[in-house]
């Protein structure tokens, strides 16, 4: 029960962060387009670079939500057609273990990258690039946590909305 509460808070923070980042990208991108078409205005120098770097956060946050909702591409049709249900289960578990190992590697090397670039600033403003690199270990940790939950619950995410909506209907 306590794990579920913690997960709900993390999930809410992840969703709100993703919404805020996307709203910022769309809003500032729209303003930037507007400013380019009027000769008496000058577009901001920093917008393109910031939007590009914020996409790293969007990718990692959305990928972790994709794990939770089981929306990533899978080969279920192929596996079920050519393998027995027991073999399919083993293949899926092995795949999840490979992904978990990959996320551990990404967390480690992402944290090294964040630490190494803590005094490196983006070109257009005095903002450390390590903030944007932080998306890699944070996003990988979220993905890792979701895949561990999937692995422990035999292929189903225990807090997935699609699972909860199917049981309510």
C-alpha atoms as a PDB file:
ATOM      1  CA  UNK A   1       0.000   0.000   0.000  1.00  0.00           C
ATOM      2  CA  UNK A   2       2.834   2.400   0.828  1.00  0.00           C
ATOM      3  CA  UNK A   3       4.634   1.566  -2.431  1.00  0.00           C
ATOM      4  CA  UNK A   4       1.453   2.345  -4.330  1.00  0.00           C
ATOM      5  CA  UNK A   5       1.211   5.801  -2.721  1.00  0.00           C
ATOM      6  CA  UNK A   6       4.850   6.547  -3.506  1.00  0.00           C
ATOM      7  CA  UNK A   7       4.357   5.351  -7.070  1.00  0.00           C
ATOM      8  CA  UNK A   8       1.249   7.510  -7.507  1.00  0.00           C
ATOM      9  CA  UNK A   9       3.201  10.605  -6.391  1.00  0.00           C
ATOM     10  CA  UNK A  10       6.072   9.798  -8.760  1.00  0.00           C
ATOM     11  CA  UNK A  11       3.637   9.108 -11.582  1.00  0.00           C
ATOM     12  CA  UNK A  12       1.805  12.392 -10.990  1.00  0.00           C
ATOM     13  CA  UNK A  13       5.083  14.347 -10.913  1.00  0.00           C
ATOM     14  CA  UNK A  14       6.181  12.648 -14.119  1.00  0.00           C
ATOM     15  CA  UNK A  15       2.927  13.443 -15.907  1.00  0.00           C
ATOM     16  CA  UNK A  16       2.783  17.050 -14.682  1.00  0.00           C
ATOM     17  CA  UNK A  17       6.441  17.599 -15.622  1.00  0.00           C
ATOM     18  CA  UNK A  18       5.820  16.236 -19.097  1.00  0.00           C
ATOM     19  CA  UNK A  19       2.754  18.452 -19.556  1.00  0.00           C
ATOM     20  CA  UNK A  20       4.604  21.548 -18.331  1.00  0.00           C
ATOM     21  CA  UNK A  21       7.623  20.912 -20.551  1.00  0.00           C
ATOM     22  CA  UNK A  22       5.428  20.308 -23.602  1.00  0.00           C
ATOM     23  CA  UNK A  23       3.352  23.422 -22.844  1.00  0.00           C
ATOM     24  CA  UNK A  24       6.551  25.462 -22.533  1.00  0.00           C
ATOM     25  CA  UNK A  25       7.950  24.079 -25.812  1.00  0.00           C
ATOM     26  CA  UNK A  26       4.707  24.759 -27.688  1.00  0.00           C
ATOM     27  CA  UNK A  27       4.194  28.177 -26.105  1.00  0.00           C
ATOM     28  CA  UNK A  28       7.701  29.517 -26.564  1.00  0.00           C
ATOM     29  CA  UNK A  29       7.886  27.958 -30.033  1.00  0.00           C
ATOM     30  CA  UNK A  30       4.687  29.790 -30.999  1.00  0.00           C
ATOM     31  CA  UNK A  31       6.019  33.059 -29.643  1.00  0.00           C
ATOM     32  CA  UNK A  32       9.267  32.510 -31.530  1.00  0.00           C
ATOM     33  CA  UNK A  33       7.376  31.970 -34.798  1.00  0.00           C
ATOM     34  CA  UNK A  34       5.309  35.094 -34.157  1.00  0.00           C
ATOM     35  CA  UNK A  35       8.432  37.181 -33.498  1.00  0.00           C
ATOM     36  CA  UNK A  36      10.095  36.044 -36.736  1.00  0.00           C
ATOM     37  CA  UNK A  37       7.366  37.464 -38.957  1.00  0.00           C
ATOM     38  CA  UNK A  38       7.351  41.025 -37.681  1.00  0.00           C
ATOM     39  CA  UNK A  39      10.255  43.263 -38.668  1.00  0.00           C
ATOM     40  CA  UNK A  40      10.123  45.420 -35.535  1.00  0.00           C
ATOM     41  CA  UNK A  41      10.620  42.392 -33.257  1.00  0.00           C
ATOM     42  CA  UNK A  42      13.607  40.175 -32.777  1.00  0.00           C
ATOM     43  CA  UNK A  43      13.303  36.453 -31.942  1.00  0.00           C
ATOM     44  CA  UNK A  44      14.936  35.155 -28.784  1.00  0.00           C
ATOM     45  CA  UNK A  45      18.414  33.701 -29.277  1.00  0.00           C
ATOM     46  CA  UNK A  46      18.003  30.930 -26.732  1.00  0.00           C
ATOM     47  CA  UNK A  47      14.683  29.358 -27.786  1.00  0.00           C
ATOM     48  CA  UNK A  48      15.862  26.854 -30.396  1.00  0.00           C
ATOM     49  CA  UNK A  49      18.607  25.490 -28.187  1.00  0.00           C
ATOM     50  CA  UNK A  50      16.399  25.174 -25.104  1.00  0.00           C
ATOM     51  CA  UNK A  51      13.595  23.508 -27.081  1.00  0.00           C
ATOM     52  CA  UNK A  52      16.057  21.004 -28.530  1.00  0.00           C
ATOM     53  CA  UNK A  53      17.460  20.121 -25.113  1.00  0.00           C
ATOM     54  CA  UNK A  54      14.033  19.908 -23.457  1.00  0.00           C
ATOM     55  CA  UNK A  55      13.113  17.223 -25.966  1.00  0.00           C
ATOM     56  CA  UNK A  56      15.509  14.920 -24.108  1.00  0.00           C
ATOM     57  CA  UNK A  57      13.299  15.269 -21.020  1.00  0.00           C
ATOM     58  CA  UNK A  58      10.162  14.699 -23.104  1.00  0.00           C
ATOM     59  CA  UNK A  59      11.546  11.489 -24.613  1.00  0.00           C
ATOM     60  CA  UNK A  60      12.616   9.948 -21.321  1.00  0.00           C
ATOM     61  CA  UNK A  61       9.485  10.953 -19.373  1.00  0.00           C
ATOM     62  CA  UNK A  62       7.173   9.765 -22.149  1.00  0.00           C
ATOM     63  CA  UNK A  63       9.126   6.507 -22.527  1.00  0.00           C
ATOM     64  CA  UNK A  64       8.608   5.717 -18.846  1.00  0.00           C
ATOM     65  CA  UNK A  65       4.880   6.383 -19.198  1.00  0.00           C
ATOM     66  CA  UNK A  66       4.910   4.092 -22.243  1.00  0.00           C
ATOM     67  CA  UNK A  67       6.350   1.299 -20.098  1.00  0.00           C
ATOM     68  CA  UNK A  68       3.660   1.827 -17.491  1.00  0.00           C
ATOM     69  CA  UNK A  69       0.847   1.777 -20.053  1.00  0.00           C
ATOM     70  CA  UNK A  70       2.443  -1.034 -22.084  1.00  0.00           C
ATOM     71  CA  UNK A  71       2.330   1.000 -25.295  1.00  0.00           C
ATOM     72  CA  UNK A  72       5.812   0.237 -26.594  1.00  0.00           C
ATOM     73  CA  UNK A  73       6.238  -1.862 -29.697  1.00  0.00           C
ATOM     74  CA  UNK A  74       6.303  -5.582 -29.039  1.00  0.00           C
ATOM     75  CA  UNK A  75       6.438  -8.762 -31.098  1.00  0.00           C
ATOM     76  CA  UNK A  76       3.495 -10.526 -29.455  1.00  0.00           C
ATOM     77  CA  UNK A  77       1.960 -11.792 -32.688  1.00  0.00           C
ATOM     78  CA  UNK A  78       5.253 -13.289 -33.889  1.00  0.00           C
ATOM     79  CA  UNK A  79       6.058 -14.828 -30.511  1.00  0.00           C
ATOM     80  CA  UNK A  80       2.614 -16.338 -29.999  1.00  0.00           C
ATOM     81  CA  UNK A  81       2.551 -17.725 -33.519  1.00  0.00           C
ATOM     82  CA  UNK A  82       5.885 -19.554 -33.362  1.00  0.00           C
ATOM     83  CA  UNK A  83       6.478 -20.322 -29.683  1.00  0.00           C
ATOM     84  CA  UNK A  84       4.628 -22.042 -26.871  1.00  0.00           C
ATOM     85  CA  UNK A  85       3.086 -19.846 -24.139  1.00  0.00           C
ATOM     86  CA  UNK A  86       5.757 -20.963 -21.686  1.00  0.00           C
ATOM     87  CA  UNK A  87       8.567 -20.024 -24.105  1.00  0.00           C
ATOM     88  CA  UNK A  88       6.904 -16.663 -24.794  1.00  0.00           C
ATOM     89  CA  UNK A  89       6.872 -15.979 -21.061  1.00  0.00           C
ATOM     90  CA  UNK A  90      10.592 -16.788 -20.788  1.00  0.00           C
ATOM     91  CA  UNK A  91      11.427 -14.605 -23.805  1.00  0.00           C
ATOM     92  CA  UNK A  92       9.502 -11.679 -22.316  1.00  0.00           C
ATOM     93  CA  UNK A  93      11.235 -12.085 -18.945  1.00  0.00           C
ATOM     94  CA  UNK A  94      14.664 -12.255 -20.625  1.00  0.00           C
ATOM     95  CA  UNK A  95      13.794  -9.143 -22.623  1.00  0.00           C
ATOM     96  CA  UNK A  96      12.749  -7.302 -19.464  1.00  0.00           C
ATOM     97  CA  UNK A  97      15.983  -8.325 -17.741  1.00  0.00           C
ATOM     98  CA  UNK A  98      18.027  -7.024 -20.715  1.00  0.00           C
ATOM     99  CA  UNK A  99      16.139  -3.731 -20.577  1.00  0.00           C
ATOM    100  CA  UNK A 100      16.704  -3.476 -16.825  1.00  0.00           C
ATOM    101  CA  UNK A 101      20.436  -4.052 -17.327  1.00  0.00           C
ATOM    102  CA  UNK A 102      20.486  -1.409 -20.068  1.00  0.00           C
ATOM    103  CA  UNK A 103      18.735   1.092 -17.799  1.00  0.00           C
ATOM    104  CA  UNK A 104      21.288   0.452 -15.035  1.00  0.00           C
ATOM    105  CA  UNK A 105      24.074   1.178 -17.527  1.00  0.00           C
ATOM    106  CA  UNK A 106      22.292   4.356 -18.698  1.00  0.00           C
ATOM    107  CA  UNK A 107      21.789   5.528 -15.118  1.00  0.00           C
ATOM    108  CA  UNK A 108      25.469   5.021 -14.327  1.00  0.00           C
ATOM    109  CA  UNK A 109      26.859   6.631 -17.466  1.00  0.00           C
ATOM    110  CA  UNK A 110      24.205   9.357 -17.445  1.00  0.00           C
ATOM    111  CA  UNK A 111      25.156  10.292 -13.886  1.00  0.00           C
ATOM    112  CA  UNK A 112      28.820  10.413 -14.929  1.00  0.00           C
ATOM    113  CA  UNK A 113      27.886  12.711 -17.821  1.00  0.00           C
ATOM    114  CA  UNK A 114      25.873  14.989 -15.523  1.00  0.00           C
ATOM    115  CA  UNK A 115      28.768  15.236 -13.082  1.00  0.00           C
ATOM    116  CA  UNK A 116      31.361  15.808 -15.811  1.00  0.00           C
ATOM    117  CA  UNK A 117      29.360  18.649 -17.386  1.00  0.00           C
ATOM    118  CA  UNK A 118      28.194  20.467 -14.272  1.00  0.00           C
ATOM    119  CA  UNK A 119      30.313  23.512 -15.195  1.00  0.00           C
ATOM    120  CA  UNK A 120      29.570  23.422 -18.930  1.00  0.00           C
ATOM    121  CA  UNK A 121      26.994  25.945 -20.040  1.00  0.00           C
ATOM    122  CA  UNK A 122      24.782  26.063 -23.108  1.00  0.00           C
ATOM    123  CA  UNK A 123      25.760  28.597 -25.759  1.00  0.00           C
ATOM    124  CA  UNK A 124      22.864  31.003 -25.477  1.00  0.00           C
ATOM    125  CA  UNK A 125      22.613  31.500 -21.695  1.00  0.00           C
ATOM    126  CA  UNK A 126      24.300  30.818 -18.386  1.00  0.00           C
ATOM    127  CA  UNK A 127      22.523  27.486 -17.755  1.00  0.00           C
ATOM    128  CA  UNK A 128      24.415  24.277 -17.075  1.00  0.00           C
ATOM    129  CA  UNK A 129      23.973  21.590 -19.696  1.00  0.00           C
ATOM    130  CA  UNK A 130      24.034  19.039 -16.871  1.00  0.00           C
ATOM    131  CA  UNK A 131      20.373  19.917 -16.173  1.00  0.00           C
ATOM    132  CA  UNK A 132      19.483  18.546 -19.590  1.00  0.00           C
ATOM    133  CA  UNK A 133      21.799  15.542 -19.238  1.00  0.00           C
ATOM    134  CA  UNK A 134      20.030  14.812 -15.951  1.00  0.00           C
ATOM    135  CA  UNK A 135      17.090  13.593 -18.035  1.00  0.00           C
ATOM    136  CA  UNK A 136      19.085  10.464 -18.906  1.00  0.00           C
ATOM    137  CA  UNK A 137      19.623   9.038 -15.389  1.00  0.00           C
ATOM    138  CA  UNK A 138      16.266  10.305 -14.085  1.00  0.00           C
ATOM    139  CA  UNK A 139      14.303   8.982 -17.056  1.00  0.00           C
ATOM    140  CA  UNK A 140      16.228   5.704 -17.024  1.00  0.00           C
ATOM    141  CA  UNK A 141      15.497   5.303 -13.295  1.00  0.00           C
ATOM    142  CA  UNK A 142      11.783   5.797 -13.965  1.00  0.00           C
ATOM    143  CA  UNK A 143      11.871   3.282 -16.810  1.00  0.00           C
ATOM    144  CA  UNK A 144      13.847   0.874 -14.613  1.00  0.00           C
ATOM    145  CA  UNK A 145      11.334   1.181 -11.777  1.00  0.00           C
ATOM    146  CA  UNK A 146       8.423   0.524 -14.142  1.00  0.00           C
ATOM    147  CA  UNK A 147      10.129  -2.501 -15.737  1.00  0.00           C
ATOM    148  CA  UNK A 148      10.924  -3.957 -12.316  1.00  0.00           C
ATOM    149  CA  UNK A 149       7.227  -3.648 -11.420  1.00  0.00           C
ATOM    150  CA  UNK A 150       6.272  -5.315 -14.716  1.00  0.00           C
ATOM    151  CA  UNK A 151       8.766  -8.124 -14.110  1.00  0.00           C
ATOM    152  CA  UNK A 152       7.580  -8.689 -10.528  1.00  0.00           C
ATOM    153  CA  UNK A 153       3.936  -8.764 -11.619  1.00  0.00           C
ATOM    154  CA  UNK A 154       4.473 -11.259 -14.436  1.00  0.00           C
ATOM    155  CA  UNK A 155       4.146  -8.941 -17.409  1.00  0.00           C
ATOM    156  CA  UNK A 156       1.413  -6.622 -16.148  1.00  0.00           C
ATOM    157  CA  UNK A 157       2.097  -3.221 -14.649  1.00  0.00           C
ATOM    158  CA  UNK A 158       0.201  -3.114 -11.347  1.00  0.00           C
ATOM    159  CA  UNK A 159      -0.624   0.604 -11.612  1.00  0.00           C
ATOM    160  CA  UNK A 160      -1.449   0.883 -15.304  1.00  0.00           C
ATOM    161  CA  UNK A 161      -4.506   2.981 -16.132  1.00  0.00           C
ATOM    162  CA  UNK A 162      -5.477   0.672 -18.998  1.00  0.00           C
ATOM    163  CA  UNK A 163      -5.501  -2.280 -16.581  1.00  0.00           C
ATOM    164  CA  UNK A 164      -7.551  -0.331 -14.029  1.00  0.00           C
ATOM    165  CA  UNK A 165     -10.026   0.896 -16.678  1.00  0.00           C
ATOM    166  CA  UNK A 166     -10.509  -2.631 -18.049  1.00  0.00           C
ATOM    167  CA  UNK A 167     -11.353  -3.967 -14.574  1.00  0.00           C
ATOM    168  CA  UNK A 168     -13.856  -1.171 -13.941  1.00  0.00           C
ATOM    169  CA  UNK A 169     -15.787  -1.660 -17.203  1.00  0.00           C
END
